[in-house]
Amino acid sequence: MTAQDCDIVISGGGVAGLSAAALFGQAGFRVVCVDPAPPITDREAEGADLRTTAILQPAQALLAEAGIWPRLAEHAAPLRVMRIVDAGGDTPEPRVVKDFESSDISDKPFGWNLPNWLLRRELVAQLDTLSHVEFRPGVAASTLFTRETEARVGLDDGTRLRCRMVIAADGRNSPMRQAAGVPVKTTRYGQKALAFAVTHPIPHDNVSTEIHRSGGPFTLVPLPDHGGRPSSAVVWMEEGAEAQRLAALDETAFEEEMSTRSCHLFGPLTLASRRTVWPIISQIADRMWAERVALVAEAAHVVPPIGAQGLNMSLGDMHVLLDLALAAPDQLGEAEMLKAYHRRRHWEVAARVKGIDLLNRTSMLSAPALRDARAMGLQALYALGPVRKTLMQLGLGARG
């Protein structure tokens, strides 16, 4: 066994972990990032993550400052309008349609949509250019020992790493969080999300469309054209049994069901990828730090895929953590730095988890009277211009 020194060990090589490695490596910190599964960076490969992520304005600015955005820009579809559709009547037809336009609050789009598999591909390529970063796919962090002055991470290949700070970016079941003894509160909804890509005859015009009926939202997010046709990424949330039924349908039957659920707003939808199924939960860690350990991304918080909050919350974690590290690099990983990180992030994370929990429960409503109340609420919120603008700014990550 050998001992190696670095500033930061990152456990987790998903989009969040790779982003953290790129950000801290670009800033000059010596980083080792490990993950037990090599990232899948090909859309057609088995196990590819077919979900997409909307990089909202604050996150895009952070990635641009770190030199990462130029790799992503050419692949990104801008999101200039967020369209909310209530289709909770007797038949799956739009009865309330409201457009939230980015031009009301900014001269930029709300965000830019990218497939997760492509984000991984470009982030791995970025790490290859950074001399301070070592990425070790296929290797897991298996043990954690901390004391006041350092952390020691044991890897499953027999290597021991000694560092000043561990960043736990290893998912909702984070081994590093568990090793650090940080409890979490988990809320289960009995929902699952189907994620896939479609093509359609009617262009999306860079409009992200979220359709509410029951079971959860059906969301179409713009993608660049695929095979010469307009294309969108879809996240379709339903109660678990219904999601599994839909996932098992043959392609023709599935296309009929998803076209009906989309209210035919884009014409007949054609499946353009495999279907993947993901469990839906909310989760929040009691605290975002432990001795020499910072919790980020899904190790710290998980939300349903509503309003493009997941990765953007994660990049918000990293922005604060990086600011603190750069302000006092000699205090990297010390208790006072990590407590400051917790104070600056946890209240906002908790508020967003609660807010998205409420939105999800509202979208799941099945009783006609409650669906009518939801439609009236959307009408009322939209009619109040200052409230509408404030909600859009909060959605982007503005702080009160």
Protein backbone atom coordinates (compact mmCIF):
# COMPACT_ATOMS: atom_id res chain seq x y z
CA MET A 1 0.00 0.00 0.00
CA THR A 2 1.21 3.47 -0.80
CA ALA A 3 0.37 6.90 0.57
CA GLN A 4 -0.13 9.82 -1.78
CA ASP A 5 -0.69 13.48 -0.93
CA CYS A 6 -3.16 15.85 -2.57
CA ASP A 7 -5.32 18.79 -1.53
CA ILE A 8 -8.72 17.29 -2.28
CA VAL A 9 -10.12 13.81 -2.82
CA ILE A 10 -13.47 13.78 -4.63
CA SER A 11 -15.54 10.65 -4.18
CA GLY A 12 -17.88 10.43 -7.17
CA GLY A 13 -17.36 10.80 -10.91
CA GLY A 14 -20.85 11.75 -12.02
CA VAL A 15 -21.61 15.15 -13.51
CA ALA A 16 -21.35 16.79 -10.08
CA GLY A 17 -18.06 15.13 -9.10
CA LEU A 18 -16.45 15.77 -12.47
CA SER A 19 -17.59 19.42 -12.29
CA ALA A 20 -16.03 19.77 -8.84
CA ALA A 21 -12.77 18.25 -10.09
CA ALA A 22 -12.69 20.65 -13.04
CA LEU A 23 -13.49 23.71 -10.91
CA PHE A 24 -11.00 23.03 -8.13
CA GLY A 25 -8.35 21.78 -10.54
CA GLN A 26 -8.67 24.91 -12.68
CA ALA A 27 -8.23 26.95 -9.49
CA GLY A 28 -4.88 25.25 -8.84
CA PHE A 29 -5.78 22.73 -6.16
CA ARG A 30 -4.32 19.22 -6.44
CA VAL A 31 -7.30 16.94 -6.94
CA VAL A 32 -7.85 13.19 -7.18
CA CYS A 33 -11.35 12.15 -8.31
CA VAL A 34 -12.43 8.52 -8.01
CA ASP A 35 -15.55 6.62 -9.02
CA PRO A 36 -16.23 2.85 -9.08
CA ALA A 37 -17.91 3.05 -12.51
CA PRO A 38 -16.16 4.60 -15.52
CA PRO A 39 -18.37 7.38 -16.95
CA ILE A 40 -20.50 6.39 -19.93
CA THR A 41 -19.91 9.08 -22.55
CA ASP A 42 -21.72 7.61 -25.57
CA ARG A 43 -25.46 8.18 -26.10
CA GLU A 44 -26.02 4.69 -27.52
CA ALA A 45 -24.01 2.78 -24.91
CA GLU A 46 -25.79 0.51 -22.45
CA GLY A 47 -26.32 2.38 -19.20
CA ALA A 48 -25.95 5.86 -20.72
CA ASP A 49 -27.71 8.54 -18.67
CA LEU A 50 -30.35 9.82 -21.10
CA ARG A 51 -31.60 12.51 -18.76
CA THR A 52 -30.72 16.10 -19.55
CA THR A 53 -29.69 19.02 -17.39
CA ALA A 54 -30.58 22.66 -17.89
CA ILE A 55 -27.56 24.73 -16.91
CA LEU A 56 -29.16 27.88 -15.50
CA GLN A 57 -27.57 31.33 -15.70
CA PRO A 58 -25.57 31.32 -12.42
CA ALA A 59 -24.21 27.83 -13.10
CA GLN A 60 -23.30 28.78 -16.68
CA ALA A 61 -21.39 31.81 -15.40
CA LEU A 62 -19.45 29.58 -12.97
CA LEU A 63 -18.57 27.08 -15.71
CA ALA A 64 -17.55 29.94 -18.03
CA GLU A 65 -15.22 31.43 -15.39
CA ALA A 66 -13.56 28.04 -15.01
CA GLY A 67 -13.04 27.66 -18.77
CA ILE A 68 -15.44 24.71 -19.05
CA TRP A 69 -18.31 26.38 -20.90
CA PRO A 70 -16.60 26.67 -24.33
CA ARG A 71 -16.65 22.84 -24.49
CA LEU A 72 -20.38 22.77 -23.85
CA ALA A 73 -21.76 25.81 -25.67
CA GLU A 74 -21.96 24.30 -29.16
CA HIS A 75 -23.98 21.32 -27.87
CA ALA A 76 -26.43 23.33 -25.75
CA ALA A 77 -30.04 24.23 -26.59
CA PRO A 78 -31.02 27.61 -25.10
CA LEU A 79 -34.15 27.80 -22.95
CA ARG A 80 -35.84 31.15 -23.50
CA VAL A 81 -39.37 30.30 -22.39
CA MET A 82 -40.67 28.08 -19.59
CA ARG A 83 -44.23 27.05 -20.51
CA ILE A 84 -46.51 25.67 -17.80
CA VAL A 85 -49.58 23.81 -19.03
CA ASP A 86 -52.41 22.58 -16.84
CA ALA A 87 -54.24 19.68 -18.49
CA GLY A 88 -56.14 18.51 -15.43
CA GLY A 89 -59.62 18.53 -16.94
CA ASP A 90 -61.74 15.55 -17.89
CA THR A 91 -59.63 14.95 -21.01
CA PRO A 92 -55.86 15.43 -21.51
CA GLU A 93 -56.11 18.81 -23.22
CA PRO A 94 -54.53 22.16 -22.31
CA ARG A 95 -56.90 24.34 -20.31
CA VAL A 96 -54.37 26.82 -18.87
CA VAL A 97 -51.15 27.72 -20.72
CA LYS A 98 -48.74 30.29 -19.27
CA ASP A 99 -45.37 31.32 -20.68
CA PHE A 100 -42.62 32.56 -18.36
CA GLU A 101 -40.21 34.45 -20.64
CA SER A 102 -36.54 34.99 -19.82
CA SER A 103 -36.66 38.41 -21.50
CA ASP A 104 -38.81 39.63 -18.58
CA ILE A 105 -35.82 39.44 -16.26
CA SER A 106 -32.69 39.15 -18.42
CA ASP A 107 -31.24 39.47 -21.91
CA LYS A 108 -30.03 35.86 -21.65
CA PRO A 109 -31.94 32.56 -21.80
CA PHE A 110 -33.02 31.01 -18.51
CA GLY A 111 -30.49 28.29 -19.22
CA TRP A 112 -29.02 25.87 -21.73
CA ASN A 113 -30.03 22.21 -21.96
CA LEU A 114 -27.47 19.43 -22.35
CA PRO A 115 -27.67 15.61 -22.23
CA ASN A 116 -26.03 14.16 -19.11
CA TRP A 117 -23.95 11.64 -21.09
CA LEU A 118 -22.49 14.52 -23.12
CA LEU A 119 -21.78 16.58 -20.01
CA ARG A 120 -19.74 13.64 -18.69
CA ARG A 121 -17.86 13.33 -21.99
CA GLU A 122 -16.88 16.98 -22.10
CA LEU A 123 -16.00 17.18 -18.41
CA VAL A 124 -13.70 14.16 -18.70
CA ALA A 125 -12.03 15.83 -21.69
CA GLN A 126 -11.59 19.00 -19.62
CA LEU A 127 -9.95 17.05 -16.78
CA ASP A 128 -7.42 15.66 -19.25
CA THR A 129 -6.15 19.22 -19.81
CA LEU A 130 -5.62 19.98 -16.11
CA SER A 131 -2.24 19.04 -14.72
CA HIS A 132 -3.46 19.32 -11.12
CA VAL A 133 -6.25 16.74 -11.57
CA GLU A 134 -6.06 12.96 -11.61
CA PHE A 135 -9.25 11.10 -12.51
CA ARG A 136 -9.36 7.42 -11.57
CA PRO A 137 -12.46 5.74 -13.03
CA GLY A 138 -13.10 2.18 -11.91
CA VAL A 139 -11.78 2.87 -8.40
CA ALA A 140 -14.00 3.44 -5.36
CA ALA A 141 -13.39 5.23 -2.07
CA SER A 142 -13.91 2.48 0.50
CA THR A 143 -12.71 3.83 3.84
CA LEU A 144 -12.49 7.22 5.52
CA PHE A 145 -10.40 8.24 8.50
CA THR A 146 -10.29 11.87 9.60
CA ARG A 147 -8.61 13.89 12.25
CA GLU A 148 -8.28 17.62 12.89
CA THR A 149 -5.40 18.13 10.45
CA GLU A 150 -6.11 15.74 7.56
CA ALA A 151 -8.27 13.04 6.03
CA ARG A 152 -7.17 9.62 4.81
CA VAL A 153 -9.19 7.85 2.15
CA GLY A 154 -8.68 4.19 1.37
CA LEU A 155 -9.42 3.08 -2.18
CA ASP A 156 -10.53 -0.39 -3.19
CA ASP A 157 -7.35 -0.86 -5.27
CA GLY A 158 -5.30 -0.77 -2.07
CA THR A 159 -4.17 2.83 -2.43
CA ARG A 160 -4.38 5.27 0.49
CA LEU A 161 -4.77 8.96 -0.20
CA ARG A 162 -3.96 11.64 2.33
CA CYS A 163 -5.62 15.01 1.75
CA ARG A 164 -6.80 18.22 3.36
CA MET A 165 -10.44 17.91 2.32
CA VAL A 166 -12.77 15.21 1.01
CA ILE A 167 -15.64 16.24 -1.25
CA ALA A 168 -18.44 13.68 -1.09
CA ALA A 169 -20.14 13.80 -4.50
CA ASP A 170 -21.00 10.11 -4.51
CA GLY A 171 -24.76 10.22 -4.78
CA ARG A 172 -27.87 9.85 -2.69
CA ASN A 173 -26.49 6.72 -0.97
CA SER A 174 -23.09 8.37 -0.45
CA PRO A 175 -20.58 5.99 1.15
CA MET A 176 -18.48 8.95 2.33
CA ARG A 177 -21.48 10.58 4.00
CA GLN A 178 -22.28 7.33 5.74
CA ALA A 179 -18.64 6.90 6.80
CA ALA A 180 -18.68 10.44 8.20
CA GLY A 181 -21.84 9.64 10.18
CA VAL A 182 -24.10 12.36 8.76
CA PRO A 183 -27.82 11.45 8.93
CA VAL A 184 -30.32 12.25 6.17
CA LYS A 185 -34.08 12.75 5.99
CA THR A 186 -35.70 10.98 3.01
CA THR A 187 -39.19 11.48 1.56
CA ARG A 188 -40.57 8.86 -0.82
CA TYR A 189 -43.43 9.67 -3.18
CA GLY A 190 -44.13 6.28 -4.73
CA GLN A 191 -43.18 7.86 -8.06
CA LYS A 192 -40.79 6.99 -10.83
CA ALA A 193 -39.60 9.07 -13.79
CA LEU A 194 -39.23 7.81 -17.33
CA ALA A 195 -36.44 9.64 -19.16
CA PHE A 196 -35.97 9.45 -22.93
CA ALA A 197 -35.61 11.58 -26.06
CA VAL A 198 -38.20 12.17 -28.76
CA THR A 199 -38.52 13.84 -32.13
CA HIS A 200 -41.64 15.71 -33.24
CA PRO A 201 -42.92 17.57 -36.31
CA ILE A 202 -43.68 20.89 -34.58
CA PRO A 203 -40.52 22.84 -33.57
CA HIS A 204 -40.01 23.54 -29.86
CA ASP A 205 -38.73 27.09 -30.52
CA ASN A 206 -36.48 26.79 -27.45
CA VAL A 207 -39.52 26.51 -25.18
CA SER A 208 -39.37 24.13 -22.22
CA THR A 209 -42.88 22.77 -21.67
CA GLU A 210 -44.11 21.29 -18.38
CA ILE A 211 -47.55 19.64 -18.60
CA HIS A 212 -49.46 18.93 -15.39
CA ARG A 213 -52.31 16.45 -15.16
CA SER A 214 -51.81 13.85 -12.41
CA GLY A 215 -49.03 11.57 -11.22
CA GLY A 216 -46.39 14.26 -11.78
CA PRO A 217 -45.32 16.57 -14.61
CA PHE A 218 -44.62 15.54 -18.21
CA THR A 219 -41.76 17.81 -19.24
CA LEU A 220 -40.30 18.36 -22.71
CA VAL A 221 -36.98 20.20 -22.75
CA PRO A 222 -35.43 21.41 -26.03
CA LEU A 223 -32.55 19.52 -27.58
CA PRO A 224 -30.70 20.23 -30.82
CA ASP A 225 -32.33 18.62 -33.88
CA HIS A 226 -31.91 14.84 -34.15
CA GLY A 227 -31.92 13.16 -37.55
CA GLY A 228 -33.06 16.39 -39.17
CA ARG A 229 -36.15 16.71 -36.95
CA PRO A 230 -36.92 18.87 -33.89
CA SER A 231 -36.03 16.97 -30.74
CA SER A 232 -36.76 17.20 -27.02
CA ALA A 233 -35.73 15.40 -23.87
CA VAL A 234 -38.68 14.09 -21.88
CA VAL A 235 -39.03 13.42 -18.17
CA TRP A 236 -42.39 11.76 -17.47
CA MET A 237 -43.20 11.34 -13.79
CA GLU A 238 -45.89 8.89 -12.73
CA GLU A 239 -46.85 6.72 -9.79
CA GLY A 240 -44.46 3.77 -9.65
CA ALA A 241 -46.78 1.03 -10.96
CA GLU A 242 -47.95 3.19 -13.87
CA ALA A 243 -44.36 4.13 -14.77
CA GLN A 244 -43.39 0.46 -14.87
CA ARG A 245 -46.43 -0.33 -17.05
CA LEU A 246 -45.48 2.41 -19.48
CA ALA A 247 -41.85 1.30 -19.58
CA ALA A 248 -42.94 -2.22 -20.54
CA LEU A 249 -45.12 -1.16 -23.50
CA ASP A 250 -43.96 -1.87 -27.02
CA GLU A 251 -42.71 1.16 -28.92
CA THR A 252 -45.90 1.82 -30.89
CA ALA A 253 -48.14 1.67 -27.83
CA PHE A 254 -45.73 3.81 -25.83
CA GLU A 255 -45.64 6.47 -28.55
CA GLU A 256 -49.44 6.61 -28.55
CA GLU A 257 -49.52 7.05 -24.76
CA MET A 258 -46.82 9.71 -24.64
CA SER A 259 -48.37 11.67 -27.52
CA THR A 260 -51.68 11.71 -25.66
CA ARG A 261 -49.98 12.74 -22.38
CA SER A 262 -48.20 15.57 -24.21
CA CYS A 263 -51.62 16.87 -25.34
CA HIS A 264 -50.26 16.66 -28.91
CA LEU A 265 -48.67 20.08 -28.42
CA PHE A 266 -45.79 19.10 -30.71
CA GLY A 267 -47.69 16.66 -32.91
CA PRO A 268 -47.11 12.89 -32.72
CA LEU A 269 -44.03 12.11 -30.64
CA THR A 270 -41.52 9.56 -31.96
CA LEU A 271 -39.21 7.76 -29.54
CA ALA A 272 -35.58 8.63 -30.33
CA SER A 273 -33.73 6.77 -27.56
CA ARG A 274 -34.03 3.98 -25.04
CA ARG A 275 -36.37 4.48 -22.08
CA THR A 276 -34.81 4.65 -18.63
CA VAL A 277 -36.63 4.63 -15.30
CA TRP A 278 -35.51 6.54 -12.18
CA PRO A 279 -36.92 6.55 -8.63
CA ILE A 280 -38.18 9.90 -7.29
CA ILE A 281 -37.36 11.02 -3.75
CA SER A 282 -36.54 14.13 -1.78
CA GLN A 283 -33.62 13.93 0.60
CA ILE A 284 -31.57 16.34 2.68
CA ALA A 285 -28.57 15.77 4.93
CA ASP A 286 -28.78 17.07 8.49
CA ARG A 287 -25.61 19.02 7.82
CA MET A 288 -23.39 19.57 4.80
CA TRP A 289 -20.09 18.90 6.50
CA ALA A 290 -18.22 16.58 8.83
CA GLU A 291 -14.61 16.63 9.97
CA ARG A 292 -12.53 17.33 6.81
CA VAL A 293 -15.55 16.38 4.63
CA ALA A 294 -17.82 18.60 2.50
CA LEU A 295 -21.07 17.12 1.22
CA VAL A 296 -22.21 18.35 -2.20
CA ALA A 297 -24.84 17.48 -4.78
CA GLU A 298 -26.94 14.36 -4.13
CA ALA A 299 -24.78 13.38 -1.17
CA ALA A 300 -26.28 16.49 0.47
CA HIS A 301 -29.66 16.95 -1.23
CA VAL A 302 -31.95 15.22 -3.71
CA VAL A 303 -35.05 16.76 -5.31
CA PRO A 304 -37.59 15.59 -7.90
CA PRO A 305 -36.73 16.73 -11.44
CA ILE A 306 -38.85 19.89 -11.44
CA GLY A 307 -37.63 23.35 -12.41
CA ALA A 308 -34.10 22.25 -13.37
CA GLN A 309 -32.94 22.58 -9.77
CA GLY A 310 -30.88 19.42 -9.16
CA LEU A 311 -27.47 20.04 -10.77
CA ASN A 312 -27.85 23.79 -10.42
CA MET A 313 -28.18 23.38 -6.65
CA SER A 314 -25.09 21.17 -6.81
CA LEU A 315 -23.09 23.78 -8.71
CA GLY A 316 -24.29 26.32 -6.15
CA ASP A 317 -22.68 24.13 -3.46
CA MET A 318 -19.41 24.10 -5.37
CA HIS A 319 -19.47 27.84 -6.03
CA VAL A 320 -19.68 28.58 -2.30
CA LEU A 321 -17.11 25.92 -1.39
CA LEU A 322 -14.69 27.17 -4.04
CA ASP A 323 -15.11 30.80 -2.95
CA LEU A 324 -14.27 29.84 0.63
CA ALA A 325 -11.27 27.77 -0.48
CA LEU A 326 -9.87 30.60 -2.62
CA ALA A 327 -10.46 33.19 0.11
CA ALA A 328 -8.32 31.22 2.59
CA PRO A 329 -6.46 28.39 0.83
CA ASP A 330 -4.39 27.67 3.94
CA GLN A 331 -7.63 26.80 5.77
CA LEU A 332 -8.86 24.30 3.17
CA GLY A 333 -10.95 21.63 4.88
CA GLU A 334 -10.67 23.12 8.35
CA ALA A 335 -13.72 23.10 10.60
CA GLU A 336 -14.37 26.84 10.42
CA MET A 337 -14.32 26.80 6.62
CA LEU A 338 -16.70 23.85 6.45
CA LYS A 339 -19.04 25.35 9.04
CA ALA A 340 -19.15 28.53 6.96
CA TYR A 341 -20.01 26.42 3.91
CA HIS A 342 -22.87 24.80 5.82
CA ARG A 343 -24.20 28.16 7.04
CA ARG A 344 -24.18 29.66 3.55
CA ARG A 345 -25.79 26.69 1.80
CA HIS A 346 -27.97 24.62 4.09
CA TRP A 347 -30.78 27.12 4.67
CA GLU A 348 -31.16 27.73 0.92
CA VAL A 349 -30.98 24.02 0.10
CA ALA A 350 -33.62 23.25 2.74
CA ALA A 351 -35.93 25.95 1.34
CA ARG A 352 -35.58 24.61 -2.20
CA VAL A 353 -36.16 21.01 -1.14
CA LYS A 354 -39.38 22.07 0.63
CA GLY A 355 -40.51 24.19 -2.31
CA ILE A 356 -39.96 21.44 -4.88
CA ASP A 357 -41.64 18.92 -2.58
CA LEU A 358 -44.74 21.16 -2.60
CA LEU A 359 -44.66 21.57 -6.39
CA ASN A 360 -44.37 17.82 -6.86
CA ARG A 361 -47.25 17.04 -4.52
CA THR A 362 -49.37 19.63 -6.34
CA SER A 363 -48.54 18.07 -9.70
CA MET A 364 -49.50 14.60 -8.42
CA LEU A 365 -53.07 15.66 -7.58
CA SER A 366 -55.75 13.42 -9.09
CA ALA A 367 -59.01 14.64 -7.53
CA PRO A 368 -60.82 16.93 -10.03
CA ALA A 369 -61.56 19.65 -7.45
CA LEU A 370 -57.91 19.83 -6.40
CA ARG A 371 -56.74 19.92 -10.01
CA ASP A 372 -59.16 22.80 -10.60
CA ALA A 373 -57.64 24.63 -7.62
CA ARG A 374 -54.16 24.05 -9.07
CA ALA A 375 -55.21 25.60 -12.38
CA MET A 376 -56.70 28.62 -10.59
CA GLY A 377 -53.48 29.04 -8.59
CA LEU A 378 -51.39 29.07 -11.77
CA GLN A 379 -53.69 31.73 -13.25
CA ALA A 380 -53.44 33.88 -10.14
CA LEU A 381 -49.65 33.66 -9.82
CA TYR A 382 -49.11 34.49 -13.46
CA ALA A 383 -51.44 37.50 -13.31
CA LEU A 384 -49.29 39.19 -10.63
CA GLY A 385 -46.35 40.57 -12.64
CA PRO A 386 -43.98 41.28 -9.71
CA VAL A 387 -44.69 37.85 -8.20
CA ARG A 388 -44.12 36.17 -11.57
CA LYS A 389 -40.73 37.89 -11.99
CA THR A 390 -39.70 37.07 -8.43
CA LEU A 391 -40.53 33.40 -8.96
CA MET A 392 -38.43 33.34 -12.13
CA GLN A 393 -35.49 34.96 -10.36
CA LEU A 394 -35.74 32.51 -7.47
CA GLY A 395 -35.86 29.65 -9.96
CA LEU A 396 -32.54 30.80 -11.41
CA GLY A 397 -30.97 30.78 -7.97
CA ALA A 398 -31.36 34.37 -6.81
CA ARG A 399 -31.16 34.70 -3.06
CA GLY A 400 -33.63 36.57 -0.97
